[in-house]
Amino acid sequence: MYAVITTGGKQYRVSEGDVLRVERLAAQEGASVDFDQVLLVADGEDVKVGTPCVEGAKVTGTVRAHGRARKIDVIKFKRRKHHMKRQGHRQWFTEVQITSIEA
């Protein structure tokens, strides 16, 4: 059984037991999180597709950790103009383990 959920402006295909990194959520470590924007639920040959969300479907997960991803360098460069701007960015994330999928 798997589902497609939306969180943080991105879509994720999840199954029970999966661990995924999503955009930072306002929840404590060890807390339970519900994702109710479920776009698709599939159980073998039985597939339910929402318009846009499946009615009554819910995916539950547990927050494992919060953290920051590795650093990304952002460089703006204009040739022959003596212009270069260098900046770094580290995105916040929340690590969630999927515990149940309800359709």
PDB file of N, CA and C in Angstrom:
ATOM      1  N   MET A   1       0.854  -1.177   0.000  1.00  0.00           N
ATOM      2  CA  MET A   1       0.000   0.000   0.000  1.00  0.00           C
ATOM      3  C   MET A   1       0.894   1.233   0.000  1.00  0.00           C
ATOM      4  N   TYR A   2       0.544   2.205  -0.844  1.00  0.00           N
ATOM      5  CA  TYR A   2       1.287   3.453  -0.875  1.00  0.00           C
ATOM      6  C   TYR A   2       0.317   4.597  -1.125  1.00  0.00           C
ATOM      7  N   ALA A   3       0.823   5.813  -0.875  1.00  0.00           N
ATOM      8  CA  ALA A   3       0.016   7.014  -1.066  1.00  0.00           C
ATOM      9  C   ALA A   3       0.909   8.126  -1.592  1.00  0.00           C
ATOM     10  N   VAL A   4       0.289   9.110  -2.222  1.00  0.00           N
ATOM     11  CA  VAL A   4       0.992  10.311  -2.661  1.00  0.00           C
ATOM     12  C   VAL A   4       0.425  11.470  -1.852  1.00  0.00           C
ATOM     13  N   ILE A   5       1.303  12.153  -1.112  1.00  0.00           N
ATOM     14  CA  ILE A   5       0.871  13.252  -0.253  1.00  0.00           C
ATOM     15  C   ILE A   5       1.522  14.554  -0.707  1.00  0.00           C
ATOM     16  N   THR A   6       0.945  15.664  -0.272  1.00  0.00           N
ATOM     17  CA  THR A   6       1.499  16.986  -0.547  1.00  0.00           C
ATOM     18  C   THR A   6       1.813  17.665   0.776  1.00  0.00           C
ATOM     19  N   THR A   7       3.042  18.182   0.901  1.00  0.00           N
ATOM     20  CA  THR A   7       3.420  18.984   2.054  1.00  0.00           C
ATOM     21  C   THR A   7       4.579  19.883   1.652  1.00  0.00           C
ATOM     22  N   GLY A   8       4.536  21.123   2.081  1.00  0.00           N
ATOM     23  CA  GLY A   8       5.599  22.064   1.770  1.00  0.00           C
ATOM     24  C   GLY A   8       5.717  22.389   0.294  1.00  0.00           C
ATOM     25  N   GLY A   9       4.612  22.257  -0.454  1.00  0.00           N
ATOM     26  CA  GLY A   9       4.645  22.568  -1.873  1.00  0.00           C
ATOM     27  C   GLY A   9       5.239  21.476  -2.732  1.00  0.00           C
ATOM     28  N   LYS A  10       5.517  20.304  -2.149  1.00  0.00           N
ATOM     29  CA  LYS A  10       6.097  19.187  -2.886  1.00  0.00           C
ATOM     30  C   LYS A  10       5.233  17.950  -2.698  1.00  0.00           C
ATOM     31  N   GLN A  11       5.358  17.002  -3.622  1.00  0.00           N
ATOM     32  CA  GLN A  11       4.610  15.750  -3.551  1.00  0.00           C
ATOM     33  C   GLN A  11       5.567  14.609  -3.253  1.00  0.00           C
ATOM     34  N   TYR A  12       5.115  13.678  -2.404  1.00  0.00           N
ATOM     35  CA  TYR A  12       5.933  12.548  -1.987  1.00  0.00           C
ATOM     36  C   TYR A  12       5.128  11.254  -2.123  1.00  0.00           C
ATOM     37  N   ARG A  13       5.767  10.194  -2.608  1.00  0.00           N
ATOM     38  CA  ARG A  13       5.166   8.857  -2.645  1.00  0.00           C
ATOM     39  C   ARG A  13       5.670   8.137  -1.406  1.00  0.00           C
ATOM     40  N   VAL A  14       4.754   7.718  -0.525  1.00  0.00           N
ATOM     41  CA  VAL A  14       5.135   7.139   0.761  1.00  0.00           C
ATOM     42  C   VAL A  14       4.459   5.789   0.971  1.00  0.00           C
ATOM     43  N   SER A  15       5.123   4.936   1.728  1.00  0.00           N
ATOM     44  CA  SER A  15       4.581   3.667   2.199  1.00  0.00           C
ATOM     45  C   SER A  15       4.796   3.617   3.703  1.00  0.00           C
ATOM     46  N   GLU A  16       4.176   2.657   4.373  1.00  0.00           N
ATOM     47  CA  GLU A  16       4.367   2.528   5.818  1.00  0.00           C
ATOM     48  C   GLU A  16       5.813   2.151   6.099  1.00  0.00           C
ATOM     49  N   GLY A  17       6.419   2.823   7.075  1.00  0.00           N
ATOM     50  CA  GLY A  17       7.795   2.561   7.447  1.00  0.00           C
ATOM     51  C   GLY A  17       8.808   3.436   6.739  1.00  0.00           C
ATOM     52  N   ASP A  18       8.401   4.192   5.725  1.00  0.00           N
ATOM     53  CA  ASP A  18       9.324   5.070   5.008  1.00  0.00           C
ATOM     54  C   ASP A  18       9.771   6.225   5.889  1.00  0.00           C
ATOM     55  N   VAL A  19      10.996   6.672   5.680  1.00  0.00           N
ATOM     56  CA  VAL A  19      11.526   7.845   6.354  1.00  0.00           C
ATOM     57  C   VAL A  19      11.816   8.879   5.269  1.00  0.00           C
ATOM     58  N   LEU A  20      11.230  10.069   5.405  1.00  0.00           N
ATOM     59  CA  LEU A  20      11.445  11.091   4.400  1.00  0.00           C
ATOM     60  C   LEU A  20      11.729  12.437   5.045  1.00  0.00           C
ATOM     61  N   ARG A  21      12.417  13.280   4.270  1.00  0.00           N
ATOM     62  CA  ARG A  21      12.732  14.629   4.717  1.00  0.00           C
ATOM     63  C   ARG A  21      11.804  15.593   4.001  1.00  0.00           C
ATOM     64  N   VAL A  22      11.038  16.337   4.798  1.00  0.00           N
ATOM     65  CA  VAL A  22      10.098  17.314   4.251  1.00  0.00           C
ATOM     66  C   VAL A  22      10.506  18.696   4.742  1.00  0.00           C
ATOM     67  N   GLU A  23       9.861  19.722   4.185  1.00  0.00           N
ATOM     68  CA  GLU A  23      10.106  21.088   4.661  1.00  0.00           C
ATOM     69  C   GLU A  23       9.788  21.157   6.151  1.00  0.00           C
ATOM     70  N   ARG A  24      10.447  22.036   6.863  1.00  0.00           N
ATOM     71  CA  ARG A  24      10.326  22.112   8.320  1.00  0.00           C
ATOM     72  C   ARG A  24       8.871  22.221   8.773  1.00  0.00           C
ATOM     73  N   LEU A  25       8.487  21.373   9.730  1.00  0.00           N
ATOM     74  CA  LEU A  25       7.157  21.368  10.322  1.00  0.00           C
ATOM     75  C   LEU A  25       7.242  21.872  11.754  1.00  0.00           C
ATOM     76  N   ALA A  26       6.180  22.515  12.219  1.00  0.00           N
ATOM     77  CA  ALA A  26       6.138  23.028  13.589  1.00  0.00           C
ATOM     78  C   ALA A  26       5.614  21.935  14.507  1.00  0.00           C
ATOM     79  N   ALA A  27       6.458  20.950  14.805  1.00  0.00           N
ATOM     80  CA  ALA A  27       6.093  19.845  15.690  1.00  0.00           C
ATOM     81  C   ALA A  27       7.341  19.408  16.447  1.00  0.00           C
ATOM     82  N   GLN A  28       7.156  18.965  17.680  1.00  0.00           N
ATOM     83  CA  GLN A  28       8.267  18.507  18.499  1.00  0.00           C
ATOM     84  C   GLN A  28       8.733  17.123  18.043  1.00  0.00           C
ATOM     85  N   GLU A  29       9.985  16.785  18.372  1.00  0.00           N
ATOM     86  CA  GLU A  29      10.485  15.452  18.065  1.00  0.00           C
ATOM     87  C   GLU A  29       9.691  14.419  18.852  1.00  0.00           C
ATOM     88  N   GLY A  30       9.287  13.341  18.173  1.00  0.00           N
ATOM     89  CA  GLY A  30       8.490  12.303  18.794  1.00  0.00           C
ATOM     90  C   GLY A  30       6.996  12.531  18.676  1.00  0.00           C
ATOM     91  N   ALA A  31       6.580  13.709  18.204  1.00  0.00           N
ATOM     92  CA  ALA A  31       5.155  14.023  18.065  1.00  0.00           C
ATOM     93  C   ALA A  31       4.600  13.353  16.807  1.00  0.00           C
ATOM     94  N   SER A  32       3.280  13.165  16.812  1.00  0.00           N
ATOM     95  CA  SER A  32       2.594  12.584  15.668  1.00  0.00           C
ATOM     96  C   SER A  32       2.118  13.694  14.736  1.00  0.00           C
ATOM     97  N   VAL A  33       2.263  13.458  13.426  1.00  0.00           N
ATOM     98  CA  VAL A  33       1.894  14.452  12.418  1.00  0.00           C
ATOM     99  C   VAL A  33       0.931  13.805  11.439  1.00  0.00           C
ATOM    100  N   ASP A  34      -0.172  14.510  11.107  1.00  0.00           N
ATOM    101  CA  ASP A  34      -1.147  14.009  10.137  1.00  0.00           C
ATOM    102  C   ASP A  34      -1.024  14.787   8.839  1.00  0.00           C
ATOM    103  N   PHE A  35      -0.965  14.069   7.730  1.00  0.00           N
ATOM    104  CA  PHE A  35      -0.984  14.670   6.404  1.00  0.00           C
ATOM    105  C   PHE A  35      -2.345  14.346   5.794  1.00  0.00           C
ATOM    106  N   ASP A  36      -3.205  15.369   5.638  1.00  0.00           N
ATOM    107  CA  ASP A  36      -4.543  15.107   5.120  1.00  0.00           C
ATOM    108  C   ASP A  36      -4.707  15.532   3.672  1.00  0.00           C
ATOM    109  N   GLN A  37      -3.666  16.052   3.046  1.00  0.00           N
ATOM    110  CA  GLN A  37      -3.701  16.330   1.612  1.00  0.00           C
ATOM    111  C   GLN A  37      -3.141  15.114   0.880  1.00  0.00           C
ATOM    112  N   VAL A  38      -3.993  14.107   0.722  1.00  0.00           N
ATOM    113  CA  VAL A  38      -3.609  12.851   0.077  1.00  0.00           C
ATOM    114  C   VAL A  38      -4.167  12.867  -1.333  1.00  0.00           C
ATOM    115  N   LEU A  39      -3.287  12.799  -2.324  1.00  0.00           N
ATOM    116  CA  LEU A  39      -3.702  12.887  -3.721  1.00  0.00           C
ATOM    117  C   LEU A  39      -4.075  11.532  -4.312  1.00  0.00           C
ATOM    118  N   LEU A  40      -3.454  10.447  -3.814  1.00  0.00           N
ATOM    119  CA  LEU A  40      -3.679   9.120  -4.371  1.00  0.00           C
ATOM    120  C   LEU A  40      -3.414   8.078  -3.296  1.00  0.00           C
ATOM    121  N   VAL A  41      -4.242   7.029  -3.275  1.00  0.00           N
ATOM    122  CA  VAL A  41      -4.027   5.896  -2.389  1.00  0.00           C
ATOM    123  C   VAL A  41      -4.144   4.633  -3.225  1.00  0.00           C
ATOM    124  N   ALA A  42      -3.138   3.761  -3.152  1.00  0.00           N
ATOM    125  CA  ALA A  42      -3.149   2.526  -3.936  1.00  0.00           C
ATOM    126  C   ALA A  42      -2.891   1.345  -3.021  1.00  0.00           C
ATOM    127  N   ASP A  43      -3.726   0.306  -3.165  1.00  0.00           N
ATOM    128  CA  ASP A  43      -3.569  -0.940  -2.415  1.00  0.00           C
ATOM    129  C   ASP A  43      -3.697  -2.080  -3.416  1.00  0.00           C
ATOM    130  N   GLY A  44      -2.580  -2.486  -3.995  1.00  0.00           N
ATOM    131  CA  GLY A  44      -2.614  -3.516  -5.028  1.00  0.00           C
ATOM    132  C   GLY A  44      -3.258  -2.979  -6.294  1.00  0.00           C
ATOM    133  N   GLU A  45      -4.352  -3.618  -6.734  1.00  0.00           N
ATOM    134  CA  GLU A  45      -5.061  -3.176  -7.934  1.00  0.00           C
ATOM    135  C   GLU A  45      -6.079  -2.072  -7.631  1.00  0.00           C
ATOM    136  N   ASP A  46      -6.400  -1.865  -6.345  1.00  0.00           N
ATOM    137  CA  ASP A  46      -7.375  -0.841  -5.948  1.00  0.00           C
ATOM    138  C   ASP A  46      -6.680   0.511  -5.829  1.00  0.00           C
ATOM    139  N   VAL A  47      -6.961   1.424  -6.763  1.00  0.00           N
ATOM    140  CA  VAL A  47      -6.337   2.747  -6.779  1.00  0.00           C
ATOM    141  C   VAL A  47      -7.424   3.798  -6.671  1.00  0.00           C
ATOM    142  N   LYS A  48      -7.248   4.708  -5.695  1.00  0.00           N
ATOM    143  CA  LYS A  48      -8.180   5.818  -5.528  1.00  0.00           C
ATOM    144  C   LYS A  48      -7.433   7.106  -5.836  1.00  0.00           C
ATOM    145  N   VAL A  49      -7.930   7.858  -6.814  1.00  0.00           N
ATOM    146  CA  VAL A  49      -7.321   9.126  -7.207  1.00  0.00           C
ATOM    147  C   VAL A  49      -8.270  10.243  -6.814  1.00  0.00           C
ATOM    148  N   GLY A  50      -7.762  11.243  -6.125  1.00  0.00           N
ATOM    149  CA  GLY A  50      -8.591  12.352  -5.669  1.00  0.00           C
ATOM    150  C   GLY A  50      -8.718  13.449  -6.707  1.00  0.00           C
ATOM    151  N   THR A  51      -9.696  14.319  -6.489  1.00  0.00           N
ATOM    152  CA  THR A  51      -9.891  15.483  -7.368  1.00  0.00           C
ATOM    153  C   THR A  51     -10.011  16.747  -6.534  1.00  0.00           C
ATOM    154  N   PRO A  52      -9.040  17.361  -5.982  1.00  0.00           N
ATOM    155  CA  PRO A  52      -7.636  16.974  -6.024  1.00  0.00           C
ATOM    156  C   PRO A  52      -7.226  16.036  -4.896  1.00  0.00           C
ATOM    157  N   CYS A  53      -8.003  15.948  -3.809  1.00  0.00           N
ATOM    158  CA  CYS A  53      -7.638  15.097  -2.674  1.00  0.00           C
ATOM    159  C   CYS A  53      -8.651  13.980  -2.497  1.00  0.00           C
ATOM    160  N   VAL A  54      -8.185  12.863  -1.941  1.00  0.00           N
ATOM    161  CA  VAL A  54      -9.052  11.724  -1.664  1.00  0.00           C
ATOM    162  C   VAL A  54      -9.828  12.011  -0.382  1.00  0.00           C
ATOM    163  N   GLU A  55     -11.150  11.869  -0.438  1.00  0.00           N
ATOM    164  CA  GLU A  55     -12.002  12.141   0.723  1.00  0.00           C
ATOM    165  C   GLU A  55     -11.743  11.110   1.829  1.00  0.00           C
ATOM    166  N   GLY A  56     -11.508  11.591   3.041  1.00  0.00           N
ATOM    167  CA  GLY A  56     -11.352  10.718   4.194  1.00  0.00           C
ATOM    168  C   GLY A  56     -10.006  10.029   4.302  1.00  0.00           C
ATOM    169  N   ALA A  57      -9.091  10.277   3.403  1.00  0.00           N
ATOM    170  CA  ALA A  57      -7.770   9.653   3.464  1.00  0.00           C
ATOM    171  C   ALA A  57      -6.849  10.463   4.364  1.00  0.00           C
ATOM    172  N   LYS A  58      -5.972   9.755   5.081  1.00  0.00           N
ATOM    173  CA  LYS A  58      -5.066  10.414   6.004  1.00  0.00           C
ATOM    174  C   LYS A  58      -3.798   9.582   6.127  1.00  0.00           C
ATOM    175  N   VAL A  59      -2.663  10.234   6.154  1.00  0.00           N
ATOM    176  CA  VAL A  59      -1.376   9.578   6.365  1.00  0.00           C
ATOM    177  C   VAL A  59      -0.804  10.123   7.665  1.00  0.00           C
ATOM    178  N   THR A  60      -0.385   9.223   8.544  1.00  0.00           N
ATOM    179  CA  THR A  60       0.135   9.607   9.851  1.00  0.00           C
ATOM    180  C   THR A  60       1.616   9.269   9.931  1.00  0.00           C
ATOM    181  N   GLY A  61       2.380  10.170  10.528  1.00  0.00           N
ATOM    182  CA  GLY A  61       3.812   9.946  10.697  1.00  0.00           C
ATOM    183  C   GLY A  61       4.286  10.447  12.042  1.00  0.00           C
ATOM    184  N   THR A  62       5.515  10.070  12.386  1.00  0.00           N
ATOM    185  CA  THR A  62       6.136  10.481  13.635  1.00  0.00           C
ATOM    186  C   THR A  62       7.379  11.294  13.312  1.00  0.00           C
ATOM    187  N   VAL A  63       7.538  12.434  13.974  1.00  0.00           N
ATOM    188  CA  VAL A  63       8.701  13.285  13.756  1.00  0.00           C
ATOM    189  C   VAL A  63       9.909  12.642  14.433  1.00  0.00           C
ATOM    190  N   ARG A  64      10.939  12.367  13.632  1.00  0.00           N
ATOM    191  CA  ARG A  64      12.161  11.770  14.178  1.00  0.00           C
ATOM    192  C   ARG A  64      13.189  12.822  14.556  1.00  0.00           C
ATOM    193  N   ALA A  65      13.374  13.823  13.691  1.00  0.00           N
ATOM    194  CA  ALA A  65      14.407  14.826  13.967  1.00  0.00           C
ATOM    195  C   ALA A  65      14.165  16.072  13.126  1.00  0.00           C
ATOM    196  N   HIS A  66      14.769  17.167  13.551  1.00  0.00           N
ATOM    197  CA  HIS A  66      14.828  18.396  12.778  1.00  0.00           C
ATOM    198  C   HIS A  66      16.302  18.629  12.451  1.00  0.00           C
ATOM    199  N   GLY A  67      16.557  19.270  11.335  1.00  0.00           N
ATOM    200  CA  GLY A  67      17.950  19.537  10.991  1.00  0.00           C
ATOM    201  C   GLY A  67      18.057  20.483   9.823  1.00  0.00           C
ATOM    202  N   ARG A  68      19.293  20.611   9.338  1.00  0.00           N
ATOM    203  CA  ARG A  68      19.559  21.466   8.198  1.00  0.00           C
ATOM    204  C   ARG A  68      20.327  20.646   7.166  1.00  0.00           C
ATOM    205  N   ALA A  69      19.979  20.844   5.909  1.00  0.00           N
ATOM    206  CA  ALA A  69      20.620  20.116   4.822  1.00  0.00           C
ATOM    207  C   ALA A  69      22.033  20.647   4.601  1.00  0.00           C
ATOM    208  N   ARG A  70      22.777  19.992   3.714  1.00  0.00           N
ATOM    209  CA  ARG A  70      24.140  20.453   3.438  1.00  0.00           C
ATOM    210  C   ARG A  70      24.108  21.795   2.721  1.00  0.00           C
ATOM    211  N   LYS A  71      25.206  22.499   2.783  1.00  0.00           N
ATOM    212  CA  LYS A  71      25.280  23.860   2.271  1.00  0.00           C
ATOM    213  C   LYS A  71      25.305  23.879   0.744  1.00  0.00           C
ATOM    214  N   ILE A  72      24.553  24.824   0.194  1.00  0.00           N
ATOM    215  CA  ILE A  72      24.523  25.046  -1.244  1.00  0.00           C
ATOM    216  C   ILE A  72      25.135  26.425  -1.499  1.00  0.00           C
ATOM    217  N   ASP A  73      26.082  26.485  -2.426  1.00  0.00           N
ATOM    218  CA  ASP A  73      26.706  27.755  -2.772  1.00  0.00           C
ATOM    219  C   ASP A  73      25.930  28.422  -3.891  1.00  0.00           C
ATOM    220  N   VAL A  74      25.603  29.705  -3.687  1.00  0.00           N
ATOM    221  CA  VAL A  74      24.918  30.506  -4.692  1.00  0.00           C
ATOM    222  C   VAL A  74      25.923  31.555  -5.161  1.00  0.00           C
ATOM    223  N   ILE A  75      26.242  31.544  -6.454  1.00  0.00           N
ATOM    224  CA  ILE A  75      27.234  32.459  -6.996  1.00  0.00           C
ATOM    225  C   ILE A  75      26.616  33.256  -8.136  1.00  0.00           C
ATOM    226  N   LYS A  76      26.719  34.577  -8.046  1.00  0.00           N
ATOM    227  CA  LYS A  76      26.307  35.454  -9.141  1.00  0.00           C
ATOM    228  C   LYS A  76      27.584  36.069  -9.707  1.00  0.00           C
ATOM    229  N   PHE A  77      27.781  35.942 -11.003  1.00  0.00           N
ATOM    230  CA  PHE A  77      29.026  36.363 -11.624  1.00  0.00           C
ATOM    231  C   PHE A  77      28.743  37.053 -12.945  1.00  0.00           C
ATOM    232  N   LYS A  78      29.358  38.213 -13.138  1.00  0.00           N
ATOM    233  CA  LYS A  78      29.254  38.921 -14.415  1.00  0.00           C
ATOM    234  C   LYS A  78      30.668  39.099 -14.961  1.00  0.00           C
ATOM    235  N   ARG A  79      30.908  38.540 -16.110  1.00  0.00           N
ATOM    236  CA  ARG A  79      32.257  38.593 -16.655  1.00  0.00           C
ATOM    237  C   ARG A  79      32.632  40.013 -17.106  1.00  0.00           C
ATOM    238  N   ARG A  80      33.909  40.290 -16.969  1.00  0.00           N
ATOM    239  CA  ARG A  80      34.514  41.565 -17.387  1.00  0.00           C
ATOM    240  C   ARG A  80      33.970  42.772 -16.627  1.00  0.00           C
ATOM    241  N   LYS A  81      33.226  42.601 -15.567  1.00  0.00           N
ATOM    242  CA  LYS A  81      32.650  43.726 -14.824  1.00  0.00           C
ATOM    243  C   LYS A  81      33.172  43.809 -13.386  1.00  0.00           C
ATOM    244  N   HIS A  82      34.096  42.943 -13.011  1.00  0.00           N
ATOM    245  CA  HIS A  82      34.613  42.874 -11.644  1.00  0.00           C
ATOM    246  C   HIS A  82      33.469  42.724 -10.643  1.00  0.00           C
ATOM    247  N   HIS A  83      32.527  41.844 -10.976  1.00  0.00           N
ATOM    248  CA  HIS A  83      31.383  41.627 -10.092  1.00  0.00           C
ATOM    249  C   HIS A  83      31.221  40.133  -9.826  1.00  0.00           C
ATOM    250  N   MET A  84      31.274  39.761  -8.557  1.00  0.00           N
ATOM    251  CA  MET A  84      30.983  38.389  -8.161  1.00  0.00           C
ATOM    252  C   MET A  84      30.403  38.428  -6.755  1.00  0.00           C
ATOM    253  N   LYS A  85      29.268  37.793  -6.583  1.00  0.00           N
ATOM    254  CA  LYS A  85      28.618  37.726  -5.275  1.00  0.00           C
ATOM    255  C   LYS A  85      28.496  36.255  -4.897  1.00  0.00           C
ATOM    256  N   ARG A  86      28.961  35.914  -3.723  1.00  0.00           N
ATOM    257  CA  ARG A  86      28.953  34.531  -3.267  1.00  0.00           C
ATOM    258  C   ARG A  86      28.136  34.459  -1.973  1.00  0.00           C
ATOM    259  N   GLN A  87      27.223  33.486  -1.935  1.00  0.00           N
ATOM    260  CA  GLN A  87      26.341  33.354  -0.780  1.00  0.00           C
ATOM    261  C   GLN A  87      26.072  31.870  -0.551  1.00  0.00           C
ATOM    262  N   GLY A  88      25.857  31.485   0.696  1.00  0.00           N
ATOM    263  CA  GLY A  88      25.540  30.099   1.028  1.00  0.00           C
ATOM    264  C   GLY A  88      24.145  29.990   1.603  1.00  0.00           C
ATOM    265  N   HIS A  89      23.569  28.776   1.504  1.00  0.00           N
ATOM    266  CA  HIS A  89      22.220  28.546   2.024  1.00  0.00           C
ATOM    267  C   HIS A  89      22.123  27.126   2.549  1.00  0.00           C
ATOM    268  N   ARG A  90      21.515  26.967   3.729  1.00  0.00           N
ATOM    269  CA  ARG A  90      21.228  25.650   4.292  1.00  0.00           C
ATOM    270  C   ARG A  90      19.738  25.598   4.620  1.00  0.00           C
ATOM    271  N   GLN A  91      19.024  24.668   3.999  1.00  0.00           N
ATOM    272  CA  GLN A  91      17.575  24.566   4.141  1.00  0.00           C
ATOM    273  C   GLN A  91      17.221  23.750   5.379  1.00  0.00           C
ATOM    274  N   TRP A  92      16.238  24.206   6.146  1.00  0.00           N
ATOM    275  CA  TRP A  92      15.732  23.462   7.292  1.00  0.00           C
ATOM    276  C   TRP A  92      14.855  22.310   6.807  1.00  0.00           C
ATOM    277  N   PHE A  93      14.893  21.173   7.505  1.00  0.00           N
ATOM    278  CA  PHE A  93      14.039  20.047   7.167  1.00  0.00           C
ATOM    279  C   PHE A  93      13.566  19.342   8.430  1.00  0.00           C
ATOM    280  N   THR A  94      12.525  18.535   8.273  1.00  0.00           N
ATOM    281  CA  THR A  94      12.016  17.675   9.331  1.00  0.00           C
ATOM    282  C   THR A  94      12.022  16.250   8.806  1.00  0.00           C
ATOM    283  N   GLU A  95      12.583  15.336   9.571  1.00  0.00           N
ATOM    284  CA  GLU A  95      12.631  13.928   9.179  1.00  0.00           C
ATOM    285  C   GLU A  95      11.422  13.229   9.802  1.00  0.00           C
ATOM    286  N   VAL A  96      10.580  12.617   8.940  1.00  0.00           N
ATOM    287  CA  VAL A  96       9.328  12.004   9.380  1.00  0.00           C
ATOM    288  C   VAL A  96       9.315  10.535   8.993  1.00  0.00           C
ATOM    289  N   GLN A  97       8.905   9.680   9.931  1.00  0.00           N
ATOM    290  CA  GLN A  97       8.703   8.258   9.623  1.00  0.00           C
ATOM    291  C   GLN A  97       7.222   7.994   9.514  1.00  0.00           C
ATOM    292  N   ILE A  98       6.804   7.415   8.389  1.00  0.00           N
ATOM    293  CA  ILE A  98       5.380   7.147   8.121  1.00  0.00           C
ATOM    294  C   ILE A  98       4.946   5.935   8.927  1.00  0.00           C
ATOM    295  N   THR A  99       3.880   6.080   9.724  1.00  0.00           N
ATOM    296  CA  THR A  99       3.409   4.986  10.568  1.00  0.00           C
ATOM    297  C   THR A  99       2.144   4.322  10.035  1.00  0.00           C
ATOM    298  N   SER A 100       1.242   5.073   9.404  1.00  0.00           N
ATOM    299  CA  SER A 100       0.013   4.448   8.920  1.00  0.00           C
ATOM    300  C   SER A 100      -0.575   5.237   7.754  1.00  0.00           C
ATOM    301  N   ILE A 101      -1.286   4.491   6.902  1.00  0.00           N
ATOM    302  CA  ILE A 101      -2.009   5.080   5.779  1.00  0.00           C
ATOM    303  C   ILE A 101      -3.452   4.628   5.898  1.00  0.00           C
ATOM    304  N   GLU A 102      -4.387   5.592   5.987  1.00  0.00           N
ATOM    305  CA  GLU A 102      -5.816   5.278   6.083  1.00  0.00           C
ATOM    306  C   GLU A 102      -6.520   5.826   4.866  1.00  0.00           C
ATOM    307  N   ALA A 103      -7.325   4.974   4.224  1.00  0.00           N
ATOM    308  CA  ALA A 103      -8.021   5.425   3.013  1.00  0.00           C
ATOM    309  C   ALA A 103      -9.484   5.617   3.322  1.00  0.00           C
TER     310      ALA A 103
END
